[in-house]
N, C-alpha and C. Protein backbone atom coordinates (compact mmCIF):
# COMPACT_ATOMS: atom_id res chain seq x y z
N ALA A 1 1.08 -1.12 -0.14
CA ALA A 1 0.21 -0.03 -0.24
C ALA A 1 0.60 1.52 -0.13
N SER A 2 2.11 1.59 0.60
CA SER A 2 2.77 2.72 0.90
C SER A 2 3.75 2.68 -0.39
N ARG A 3 3.66 1.79 -0.76
CA ARG A 3 4.51 2.22 -2.42
C ARG A 3 3.46 2.46 -3.70
N LEU A 4 2.28 1.89 -3.45
CA LEU A 4 0.85 2.70 -4.25
C LEU A 4 1.07 3.95 -3.96
N VAL A 5 0.77 4.28 -2.62
CA VAL A 5 0.21 5.58 -2.45
C VAL A 5 1.24 6.51 -2.71
N SER A 6 2.68 6.23 -2.29
CA SER A 6 3.75 7.43 -2.65
C SER A 6 4.13 6.62 -4.29
N SER A 7 3.37 6.68 -4.91
CA SER A 7 3.77 6.20 -6.64
C SER A 7 3.24 7.74 -7.46
N PRO A 8 2.76 8.62 -7.42
CA PRO A 8 2.35 9.94 -8.18
C PRO A 8 3.77 10.45 -7.89
N ASP A 9 3.94 11.50 -9.16
CA ASP A 9 5.11 11.98 -8.74
C ASP A 9 4.19 13.46 -8.73
N ILE A 10 5.27 13.95 -7.41
CA ILE A 10 4.66 15.25 -6.79
C ILE A 10 5.24 16.78 -7.20
N SER A 11 6.13 16.04 -8.30
CA SER A 11 6.62 17.68 -8.65
C SER A 11 5.94 18.35 -9.89
N LYS A 12 4.49 17.61 -10.09
CA LYS A 12 3.39 17.85 -11.20
C LYS A 12 2.08 18.05 -10.22
N GLY A 13 1.39 18.89 -10.76
CA GLY A 13 0.05 19.39 -10.18
C GLY A 13 -0.61 18.36 -9.86
N LEU A 14 -1.26 17.40 -10.97
CA LEU A 14 -2.05 16.60 -10.85
C LEU A 14 -1.28 15.14 -9.91
N GLY A 15 -0.28 14.96 -9.97
CA GLY A 15 0.75 13.82 -9.36
C GLY A 15 0.03 14.31 -7.76
N VAL A 16 0.50 15.61 -7.21
CA VAL A 16 -0.05 15.94 -5.72
C VAL A 16 -1.45 15.73 -5.37
N ARG A 17 -1.99 15.68 -6.73
CA ARG A 17 -4.21 15.65 -6.25
C ARG A 17 -3.82 13.99 -6.21
N ASP A 18 -2.98 13.41 -7.21
CA ASP A 18 -3.33 12.18 -6.86
C ASP A 18 -2.91 11.29 -5.84
N ARG A 19 -1.34 11.88 -5.55
CA ARG A 19 -1.06 11.50 -3.63
C ARG A 19 -2.10 11.91 -2.71
N ALA A 20 -2.11 13.11 -2.83
CA ALA A 20 -3.43 13.36 -1.72
C ALA A 20 -4.67 12.78 -1.75
N LEU A 21 -5.14 12.30 -2.91
CA LEU A 21 -6.56 11.33 -2.64
C LEU A 21 -6.21 10.02 -2.33
N MET A 22 -4.63 9.39 -2.71
CA MET A 22 -4.75 7.85 -2.20
C MET A 22 -3.98 7.79 -0.81
N GLU A 23 -3.27 8.89 -0.52
CA GLU A 23 -2.98 9.27 0.92
C GLU A 23 -4.27 9.36 2.02
N VAL A 24 -5.04 9.99 1.29
CA VAL A 24 -6.34 10.41 2.05
C VAL A 24 -7.00 9.04 2.10
N ILE A 25 -7.35 8.00 1.41
CA ILE A 25 -7.98 6.99 0.91
C ILE A 25 -7.61 5.91 2.21
N TYR A 26 -6.37 5.76 2.08
CA TYR A 26 -5.19 4.71 2.67
C TYR A 26 -5.11 5.52 4.08
N ALA A 27 -5.05 6.55 4.31
CA ALA A 27 -5.13 7.04 5.78
C ALA A 27 -5.89 7.11 6.73
N ALA A 28 -7.23 7.49 5.96
CA ALA A 28 -8.66 7.35 6.85
C ALA A 28 -9.17 6.32 6.70
N GLY A 29 -8.84 5.37 5.68
CA GLY A 29 -9.65 3.98 5.11
C GLY A 29 -11.18 4.30 4.54
N LEU A 30 -10.93 5.39 3.69
CA LEU A 30 -12.75 5.67 3.16
C LEU A 30 -13.06 4.49 1.79
N ARG A 31 -14.07 4.82 1.81
CA ARG A 31 -14.17 3.72 0.63
C ARG A 31 -14.38 5.36 -0.80
N VAL A 32 -14.34 4.14 -1.89
CA VAL A 32 -14.25 5.36 -2.89
C VAL A 32 -15.34 6.25 -2.95
N SER A 33 -16.23 5.88 -3.04
CA SER A 33 -17.39 6.97 -2.71
C SER A 33 -17.38 7.88 -1.45
N GLU A 34 -16.71 8.01 -0.42
CA GLU A 34 -16.23 8.73 0.53
C GLU A 34 -15.86 9.59 -0.23
N ALA A 35 -14.39 9.29 -0.93
CA ALA A 35 -13.31 10.02 -0.91
C ALA A 35 -14.06 10.83 -2.44
N GLU A 36 -14.82 10.05 -3.06
CA GLU A 36 -15.45 11.15 -4.09
C GLU A 36 -16.02 12.19 -3.41
N ASN A 37 -17.28 12.54 -2.54
CA ASN A 37 -17.67 12.90 -2.12
C ASN A 37 -17.44 13.96 -1.01
N LEU A 38 -15.80 14.44 -0.61
CA LEU A 38 -15.39 14.71 0.37
C LEU A 38 -15.56 16.28 -0.01
N ASN A 39 -15.82 16.96 0.54
CA ASN A 39 -15.77 18.70 0.55
C ASN A 39 -14.45 19.49 1.02
N VAL A 40 -13.91 20.44 0.64
CA VAL A 40 -12.81 21.47 1.26
C VAL A 40 -13.65 21.58 2.91
N GLY A 41 -14.67 22.40 2.85
CA GLY A 41 -14.93 21.94 4.62
C GLY A 41 -14.71 20.58 5.42
N ASP A 42 -14.94 19.91 5.02
CA ASP A 42 -14.75 18.44 5.53
C ASP A 42 -13.31 18.14 5.81
N ILE A 43 -12.30 18.93 5.72
CA ILE A 43 -10.48 19.14 6.41
C ILE A 43 -10.65 19.79 7.08
N ASN A 44 -10.24 19.23 8.33
CA ASN A 44 -9.42 20.31 9.27
C ASN A 44 -7.71 19.76 9.36
N LEU A 45 -6.86 20.32 8.77
CA LEU A 45 -5.75 20.63 8.98
C LEU A 45 -5.37 20.59 9.95
N ASP A 46 -5.48 20.95 10.97
CA ASP A 46 -5.10 21.64 12.04
C ASP A 46 -5.08 20.16 13.13
N SER A 47 -6.24 20.01 13.26
CA SER A 47 -6.47 18.75 14.02
C SER A 47 -6.60 17.18 13.68
N MET A 48 -6.13 17.63 12.29
CA MET A 48 -5.95 16.53 11.35
C MET A 48 -7.18 15.39 11.52
N GLU A 49 -8.32 16.13 10.86
CA GLU A 49 -9.54 14.97 10.76
C GLU A 49 -9.89 15.48 9.88
N ILE A 50 -10.91 14.55 9.28
CA ILE A 50 -11.70 14.29 8.55
C ILE A 50 -13.35 14.15 8.53
N ARG A 51 -14.37 14.90 8.13
CA ARG A 51 -15.41 14.67 8.50
C ARG A 51 -16.14 13.60 7.28
N VAL A 52 -16.43 12.50 7.45
CA VAL A 52 -17.02 11.83 6.22
C VAL A 52 -18.26 11.38 6.69
N ILE A 53 -19.12 11.54 5.11
CA ILE A 53 -20.37 10.85 5.22
C ILE A 53 -20.24 9.69 4.66
N GLY A 54 -20.73 8.56 5.00
CA GLY A 54 -20.64 7.44 5.01
C GLY A 54 -22.09 6.67 4.15
N LYS A 55 -21.90 5.14 4.67
CA LYS A 55 -23.28 4.75 3.48
C LYS A 55 -24.53 5.12 4.78
N GLY A 56 -25.71 5.36 3.96
CA GLY A 56 -26.44 5.36 4.83
C GLY A 56 -26.58 7.39 5.38
N SER A 57 -26.03 7.47 4.59
CA SER A 57 -25.43 9.10 4.73
C SER A 57 -24.84 9.22 6.89
N LYS A 58 -24.42 8.30 6.98
CA LYS A 58 -23.91 8.90 8.58
C LYS A 58 -22.66 9.32 8.15
N GLU A 59 -22.37 10.25 9.19
CA GLU A 59 -21.50 11.07 9.93
C GLU A 59 -20.22 10.60 10.38
N ARG A 60 -19.20 10.17 10.28
CA ARG A 60 -17.86 9.91 10.87
C ARG A 60 -16.79 11.07 10.90
N VAL A 61 -16.21 10.87 12.25
CA VAL A 61 -14.84 11.61 11.36
C VAL A 61 -13.87 10.68 12.11
N VAL A 62 -13.06 10.95 10.86
CA VAL A 62 -11.69 9.98 11.01
C VAL A 62 -10.24 10.92 11.01
N LEU A 63 -9.25 9.72 11.19
CA LEU A 63 -8.14 11.02 11.53
C LEU A 63 -7.05 10.66 10.42
N VAL A 64 -5.89 11.12 9.99
CA VAL A 64 -5.26 11.11 9.17
C VAL A 64 -3.92 11.62 10.00
N GLY A 65 -2.42 10.78 9.00
CA GLY A 65 -1.50 11.10 9.65
C GLY A 65 -0.88 12.51 9.36
N GLU A 66 0.83 12.71 9.77
CA GLU A 66 0.93 13.89 9.48
C GLU A 66 1.31 13.83 7.73
N VAL A 67 1.84 12.41 7.27
CA VAL A 67 1.82 12.51 5.54
C VAL A 67 0.83 13.14 4.96
N ALA A 68 -0.53 12.62 5.43
CA ALA A 68 -1.58 12.81 4.77
C ALA A 68 -1.98 14.17 4.67
N ARG A 69 -1.80 14.92 6.09
CA ARG A 69 -2.06 16.30 5.95
C ARG A 69 -1.00 17.13 5.71
N ASP A 70 0.38 16.87 4.98
CA ASP A 70 1.24 17.71 4.60
C ASP A 70 0.74 17.82 3.09
N VAL A 71 0.36 16.32 2.53
CA VAL A 71 0.01 16.40 1.01
C VAL A 71 -0.91 17.17 0.90
N LEU A 72 -2.24 16.83 1.36
CA LEU A 72 -3.31 17.88 1.34
C LEU A 72 -3.41 19.35 1.70
N ASP A 73 -2.43 19.48 2.63
CA ASP A 73 -1.55 20.93 2.45
C ASP A 73 -1.70 21.43 1.03
N LEU A 74 -0.07 20.63 0.73
CA LEU A 74 0.26 21.16 -0.67
C LEU A 74 -0.88 21.37 -1.58
N TYR A 75 -2.20 20.29 -1.85
CA TYR A 75 -2.37 20.39 -2.58
C TYR A 75 -3.45 21.59 -2.35
N LEU A 76 -4.35 21.43 -1.67
CA LEU A 76 -5.31 22.73 -1.27
C LEU A 76 -4.48 24.05 -1.45
N GLY A 77 -3.39 24.11 -1.13
CA GLY A 77 -2.65 25.20 -1.18
C GLY A 77 -2.24 25.76 -2.41
N ARG A 78 -1.58 24.78 -3.20
CA ARG A 78 -1.08 24.99 -4.53
C ARG A 78 -1.76 24.24 -5.77
N VAL A 79 -2.50 23.37 -5.71
CA VAL A 79 -2.56 22.78 -6.55
C VAL A 79 -4.22 22.94 -7.01
N ARG A 80 -4.96 22.50 -6.26
CA ARG A 80 -6.38 22.83 -6.37
C ARG A 80 -6.61 23.89 -7.23
N PRO A 81 -6.48 25.33 -6.32
CA PRO A 81 -6.32 26.83 -6.95
C PRO A 81 -6.05 27.13 -8.43
N THR A 82 -5.14 25.93 -8.78
CA THR A 82 -5.29 25.95 -10.36
C THR A 82 -6.11 25.12 -11.25
N LEU A 83 -6.95 24.53 -10.35
CA LEU A 83 -7.93 23.76 -10.87
C LEU A 83 -8.81 24.44 -11.33
N ILE A 84 -9.38 25.39 -10.23
CA ILE A 84 -10.63 25.65 -9.50
C ILE A 84 -11.57 26.30 -10.89
N ASN A 85 -12.68 26.13 -11.31
CA ASN A 85 -13.29 26.97 -11.96
C ASN A 85 -14.80 27.63 -11.63
N ARG A 86 -15.82 27.75 -12.07
CA ARG A 86 -16.87 28.25 -11.78
C ARG A 86 -17.95 26.92 -11.43
N GLU A 87 -17.50 26.24 -11.94
CA GLU A 87 -18.18 24.95 -11.68
C GLU A 87 -17.62 24.18 -10.86
N SER A 88 -16.24 24.59 -10.10
CA SER A 88 -15.83 23.70 -8.99
C SER A 88 -16.47 23.55 -7.85
N GLY A 89 -17.21 24.37 -7.65
CA GLY A 89 -18.27 24.37 -5.71
C GLY A 89 -17.29 24.13 -4.94
N ILE A 90 -17.31 23.44 -3.75
CA ILE A 90 -17.30 22.97 -2.96
C ILE A 90 -16.21 21.67 -2.92
N ALA A 91 -15.89 21.21 -3.96
CA ALA A 91 -15.69 19.31 -3.99
C ALA A 91 -14.31 19.73 -3.66
N LEU A 92 -13.64 18.90 -2.96
CA LEU A 92 -11.94 18.43 -2.59
C LEU A 92 -11.51 18.53 -3.35
N PHE A 93 -11.60 17.17 -4.39
CA PHE A 93 -10.62 16.81 -5.57
C PHE A 93 -11.26 16.78 -7.01
N LEU A 94 -10.72 17.77 -7.31
CA LEU A 94 -10.51 17.95 -8.58
C LEU A 94 -10.38 17.65 -10.26
N ASN A 95 -11.12 17.15 -11.28
CA ASN A 95 -10.40 17.10 -12.30
C ASN A 95 -10.02 18.14 -12.73
N ARG A 96 -9.14 17.76 -14.09
CA ARG A 96 -8.21 18.93 -14.75
C ARG A 96 -9.28 20.40 -15.33
N TYR A 97 -10.57 19.91 -15.40
CA TYR A 97 -11.65 20.36 -15.77
C TYR A 97 -12.69 21.43 -14.87
N GLY A 98 -11.78 20.76 -13.45
CA GLY A 98 -12.10 22.03 -12.54
C GLY A 98 -13.55 21.18 -12.02
N LEU A 99 -13.67 20.10 -12.20
CA LEU A 99 -15.12 19.67 -11.65
C LEU A 99 -14.49 18.19 -10.66
N ARG A 100 -15.67 17.67 -9.85
CA ARG A 100 -15.33 16.85 -8.92
C ARG A 100 -14.78 15.51 -9.34
N LEU A 101 -13.89 14.73 -8.97
CA LEU A 101 -13.21 13.85 -9.69
C LEU A 101 -14.60 12.47 -9.08
N SER A 102 -14.81 11.91 -10.56
CA SER A 102 -15.69 10.89 -10.29
C SER A 102 -15.23 9.66 -9.73
N ARG A 103 -16.34 8.85 -8.86
CA ARG A 103 -15.80 7.47 -8.37
C ARG A 103 -15.09 6.85 -9.80
N ARG A 104 -15.60 6.57 -10.70
CA ARG A 104 -14.86 5.77 -11.82
C ARG A 104 -13.68 6.58 -11.93
N SER A 105 -13.42 7.73 -12.24
CA SER A 105 -12.11 7.98 -12.31
C SER A 105 -10.80 8.33 -11.43
N ILE A 106 -11.44 7.83 -10.22
CA ILE A 106 -10.66 7.54 -8.78
C ILE A 106 -10.40 6.22 -8.86
N GLN A 107 -11.31 5.72 -9.25
CA GLN A 107 -10.60 3.66 -9.58
C GLN A 107 -9.85 3.57 -11.10
N LYS A 108 -10.08 4.06 -11.66
CA LYS A 108 -8.76 4.05 -13.03
C LYS A 108 -7.77 4.57 -12.40
N LYS A 109 -7.25 5.63 -11.89
CA LYS A 109 -6.09 6.30 -11.80
C LYS A 109 -5.37 5.58 -10.72
N VAL A 110 -6.36 4.82 -9.42
CA VAL A 110 -5.56 3.70 -8.82
C VAL A 110 -4.74 2.81 -9.36
N ARG A 111 -6.11 1.97 -10.21
CA ARG A 111 -5.56 1.19 -11.23
C ARG A 111 -4.10 1.31 -12.05
N ARG A 112 -4.43 2.28 -12.73
CA ARG A 112 -3.12 3.04 -13.21
C ARG A 112 -1.90 3.19 -12.66
N TYR A 113 -1.89 3.50 -11.53
CA TYR A 113 -0.63 3.80 -10.57
C TYR A 113 -0.35 2.56 -10.01
N ALA A 114 -1.39 1.31 -9.86
CA ALA A 114 -0.80 0.15 -9.64
C ALA A 114 -0.06 -0.85 -10.56
N SER A 115 -0.72 -0.24 -11.44
CA SER A 115 -0.39 -0.96 -13.02
C SER A 115 1.02 -0.75 -12.99
N LYS A 116 1.64 0.61 -13.27
CA LYS A 116 3.18 0.93 -13.61
C LYS A 116 3.99 0.66 -12.59
N LEU A 117 3.57 0.44 -10.92
CA LEU A 117 4.44 -0.47 -9.98
C LEU A 117 4.30 -2.18 -10.77
N GLY A 118 3.46 -2.59 -11.43
CA GLY A 118 3.80 -4.03 -11.58
C GLY A 118 2.70 -4.74 -10.96
N LEU A 119 1.92 -4.22 -9.91
CA LEU A 119 0.71 -4.51 -8.73
C LEU A 119 -0.05 -5.59 -9.50
N PRO A 120 -0.58 -6.47 -8.81
CA PRO A 120 -1.43 -7.46 -9.48
C PRO A 120 -2.98 -6.56 -10.10
N SER A 121 -3.51 -7.02 -11.33
CA SER A 121 -4.52 -6.21 -11.68
C SER A 121 -5.87 -5.88 -10.95
N GLY A 122 -5.70 -6.31 -9.85
CA GLY A 122 -7.14 -6.40 -8.94
C GLY A 122 -7.16 -5.47 -7.86
N VAL A 123 -5.94 -4.39 -7.79
CA VAL A 123 -5.66 -3.45 -7.09
C VAL A 123 -6.86 -2.51 -7.27
N LYS A 124 -7.29 -2.11 -6.57
CA LYS A 124 -8.47 -1.21 -6.77
C LYS A 124 -8.35 0.24 -5.33
N PRO A 125 -9.50 1.46 -5.04
CA PRO A 125 -9.27 1.88 -4.30
C PRO A 125 -9.75 0.93 -2.91
N HIS A 126 -10.34 0.29 -3.12
CA HIS A 126 -10.76 -1.01 -1.69
C HIS A 126 -9.43 -1.37 -1.20
N THR A 127 -8.61 -1.83 -1.76
CA THR A 127 -7.47 -2.56 -1.55
C THR A 127 -6.81 -1.58 -0.48
N LEU A 128 -6.54 0.33 -1.10
CA LEU A 128 -6.25 1.07 0.51
C LEU A 128 -7.12 0.98 1.59
N ARG A 129 -8.30 0.85 1.18
CA ARG A 129 -9.20 0.57 2.27
C ARG A 129 -8.96 -0.45 3.37
N HIS A 130 -8.56 -1.92 2.66
CA HIS A 130 -8.23 -3.13 3.34
C HIS A 130 -7.00 -2.95 3.88
N SER A 131 -6.13 -2.25 3.47
CA SER A 131 -4.67 -2.01 4.08
C SER A 131 -5.11 -1.36 5.30
N PHE A 132 -5.54 -0.46 4.90
CA PHE A 132 -5.62 0.34 6.67
C PHE A 132 -6.27 -0.87 7.74
N ALA A 133 -7.00 -1.44 7.48
CA ALA A 133 -8.13 -1.85 8.44
C ALA A 133 -6.96 -3.26 8.76
N THR A 134 -6.48 -4.33 8.10
CA THR A 134 -5.58 -5.07 8.32
C THR A 134 -3.78 -4.12 8.97
N HIS A 135 -3.45 -3.39 8.58
CA HIS A 135 -2.23 -2.80 9.18
C HIS A 135 -3.34 -2.22 10.68
N LEU A 136 -3.88 -1.52 10.93
CA LEU A 136 -4.37 -1.32 12.37
C LEU A 136 -4.45 -2.61 12.78
N LEU A 137 -5.39 -3.60 12.73
CA LEU A 137 -5.39 -4.75 13.22
C LEU A 137 -4.06 -5.69 13.67
N GLU A 138 -3.39 -5.42 13.08
CA GLU A 138 -1.72 -6.05 12.83
C GLU A 138 -1.17 -5.41 14.35
N GLY A 139 -1.42 -4.03 13.77
CA GLY A 139 -0.30 -3.36 14.84
C GLY A 139 -1.34 -3.22 16.29
N GLY A 140 -1.99 -4.05 16.77
CA GLY A 140 -2.58 -4.06 18.14
C GLY A 140 -4.31 -3.39 18.20
N ALA A 141 -4.53 -2.53 17.36
CA ALA A 141 -5.86 -2.20 17.61
C ALA A 141 -6.66 -2.79 17.79
N ASP A 142 -7.67 -2.26 18.82
CA ASP A 142 -9.15 -3.24 18.81
C ASP A 142 -9.89 -2.81 17.76
N LEU A 143 -10.60 -4.40 17.47
CA LEU A 143 -11.52 -4.40 16.36
C LEU A 143 -12.42 -4.04 16.54
N ARG A 144 -13.42 -3.37 17.48
CA ARG A 144 -14.54 -2.49 17.82
C ARG A 144 -13.74 -0.77 17.54
N VAL A 145 -12.57 -0.69 17.41
CA VAL A 145 -12.16 0.89 16.93
C VAL A 145 -12.02 1.08 15.56
N VAL A 146 -11.32 -0.15 15.03
CA VAL A 146 -11.57 -0.14 13.92
C VAL A 146 -12.67 -0.17 12.94
N GLN A 147 -13.80 -0.77 13.21
CA GLN A 147 -15.42 -0.97 12.63
C GLN A 147 -15.62 0.83 13.09
N GLU A 148 -15.65 1.31 13.87
CA GLU A 148 -15.86 2.76 14.37
C GLU A 148 -14.88 3.13 13.12
N LEU A 149 -13.90 3.52 12.94
CA LEU A 149 -13.19 4.16 11.53
C LEU A 149 -13.54 3.60 10.86
N LEU A 150 -13.95 2.36 10.35
CA LEU A 150 -14.37 2.16 9.06
C LEU A 150 -15.77 2.48 8.55
N GLY A 151 -16.61 2.76 9.58
CA GLY A 151 -17.87 3.03 9.55
C GLY A 151 -18.76 1.97 9.33
N HIS A 152 -18.53 0.74 9.65
CA HIS A 152 -19.21 -0.28 10.14
C HIS A 152 -20.08 -0.87 10.88
N SER A 153 -21.04 -0.81 10.68
CA SER A 153 -22.37 -0.72 11.81
C SER A 153 -22.62 -1.93 12.50
N SER A 154 -22.03 -3.04 11.59
CA SER A 154 -22.24 -4.41 12.61
C SER A 154 -20.64 -5.03 12.62
N PRO A 155 -20.26 -5.56 13.70
CA PRO A 155 -19.09 -6.01 13.81
C PRO A 155 -18.51 -7.21 13.21
N ALA A 156 -19.06 -7.86 12.36
CA ALA A 156 -19.42 -8.92 11.38
C ALA A 156 -19.36 -8.23 10.26
N THR A 157 -19.46 -7.19 9.54
CA THR A 157 -18.06 -6.94 8.84
C THR A 157 -17.23 -6.71 9.21
N THR A 158 -16.78 -5.75 10.23
CA THR A 158 -15.15 -5.57 10.16
C THR A 158 -14.94 -6.91 10.40
N GLN A 159 -15.10 -7.85 10.44
CA GLN A 159 -14.18 -9.46 11.06
C GLN A 159 -14.24 -9.95 9.67
N ILE A 160 -14.33 -9.82 8.65
CA ILE A 160 -13.36 -10.38 7.64
C ILE A 160 -12.31 -9.83 7.59
N TYR A 161 -11.43 -8.92 8.28
CA TYR A 161 -10.12 -8.44 8.43
C TYR A 161 -9.65 -9.58 9.29
N THR A 162 -10.18 -9.88 10.13
CA THR A 162 -9.07 -10.62 11.20
C THR A 162 -9.06 -11.89 10.65
N HIS A 163 -9.37 -12.14 9.70
CA HIS A 163 -8.53 -13.36 9.31
C HIS A 163 -6.92 -13.29 9.00
N VAL A 164 -7.20 -12.48 8.09
CA VAL A 164 -5.45 -12.03 7.79
C VAL A 164 -4.56 -11.82 8.74
N THR A 165 -5.23 -11.11 10.02
CA THR A 165 -4.47 -10.71 11.41
C THR A 165 -4.23 -12.01 11.83
N ARG A 166 -5.13 -13.31 12.30
CA ARG A 166 -4.91 -14.23 12.50
C ARG A 166 -3.90 -14.84 11.98
N THR A 167 -3.89 -15.21 10.65
CA THR A 167 -3.21 -16.03 10.06
C THR A 167 -1.67 -15.25 10.11
N LYS A 168 -1.16 -14.08 10.20
CA LYS A 168 0.34 -13.03 10.66
C LYS A 168 0.40 -13.72 12.00
N ALA A 169 -0.86 -13.28 13.10
CA ALA A 169 -0.08 -13.66 14.26
C ALA A 169 0.46 -15.17 14.57
N GLU A 170 -0.08 -16.27 13.60
CA GLU A 170 0.19 -17.41 13.99
C GLU A 170 1.31 -18.03 13.42
N GLU A 171 2.21 -16.86 11.93
CA GLU A 171 3.02 -16.89 11.41
C GLU A 171 3.98 -16.00 12.87
N ILE A 172 3.78 -15.20 12.96
CA ILE A 172 4.71 -15.05 13.77
C ILE A 172 4.83 -15.62 15.62
N TYR A 173 3.97 -16.27 15.38
CA TYR A 173 4.12 -17.07 17.16
C TYR A 173 4.94 -18.39 16.50
N HIS A 174 4.99 -18.53 15.65
CA HIS A 174 5.68 -20.00 14.60
C HIS A 174 7.07 -19.73 14.94
N SER A 175 7.13 -18.12 14.33
CA SER A 175 8.21 -17.93 14.55
C SER A 175 9.67 -17.42 15.77
N THR A 176 8.52 -17.32 16.38
CA THR A 176 9.15 -16.44 18.01
C THR A 176 9.14 -17.17 19.03
N HIS A 177 8.11 -17.76 18.94
CA HIS A 177 7.80 -18.37 20.54
C HIS A 177 8.62 -19.59 20.77
N PRO A 178 9.21 -19.18 21.79
CA PRO A 178 10.34 -21.01 21.90
C PRO A 178 9.86 -22.24 21.87
N ARG A 179 8.81 -22.52 22.61
CA ARG A 179 7.88 -23.36 22.25
C ARG A 179 6.98 -23.72 21.44
N ALA A 180 6.91 -22.79 20.11
CA ALA A 180 6.05 -23.05 18.93
C ALA A 180 7.01 -24.39 18.22
N GLY A 181 7.75 -24.80 17.81
CA GLY A 181 8.44 -25.81 17.22
C GLY A 181 7.99 -26.89 17.68
N ASP A 182 8.67 -27.74 16.94
CA ASP A 182 8.61 -29.32 17.17
C ASP A 182 8.94 -29.93 17.91
N SER A 183 7.99 -30.82 18.81
CA SER A 183 8.92 -31.05 20.16
C SER A 183 10.03 -32.19 20.18
N ASP A 184 10.48 -32.30 21.00
CA ASP A 184 11.25 -33.77 20.67
C ASP A 184 11.28 -34.74 21.04
């Protein structure tokens, strides 16, 4: 995920936008529709929070780290102003014509960057959301916290990510616990 997110060339304006977009999806575990519908007013760079409208029009506040905050700041300060036109409105992520980036466009961008890196063809924005959840759980985050951050109403929906971490936990256990090896 980190290779994919950092792949856009930030020496170019649209590269900064693409990097900010992928950083936000990954850092906050957003659905592609949530990223598509973000508005400038949803971003608070000082508190490193983003207000997200999720499924069922449920609102939640998610956090982003310093890397996402810094690239968002660069996008908002230097790049977005060059894309704005009369039709831009309050949309956060704009295309080259000043219109809100569409869901399909976001999906195509992620696939294009993944392809350039030689990643499997199945990589999509949801892959970044999946990586977000998996990395939090592998780092020891409580399942209920991850459920809240993802905007899942049911713990059962979040359970799908525990299989990956259970596999990782078994691998770590077998490679590190002194009594996990074969018995004499």
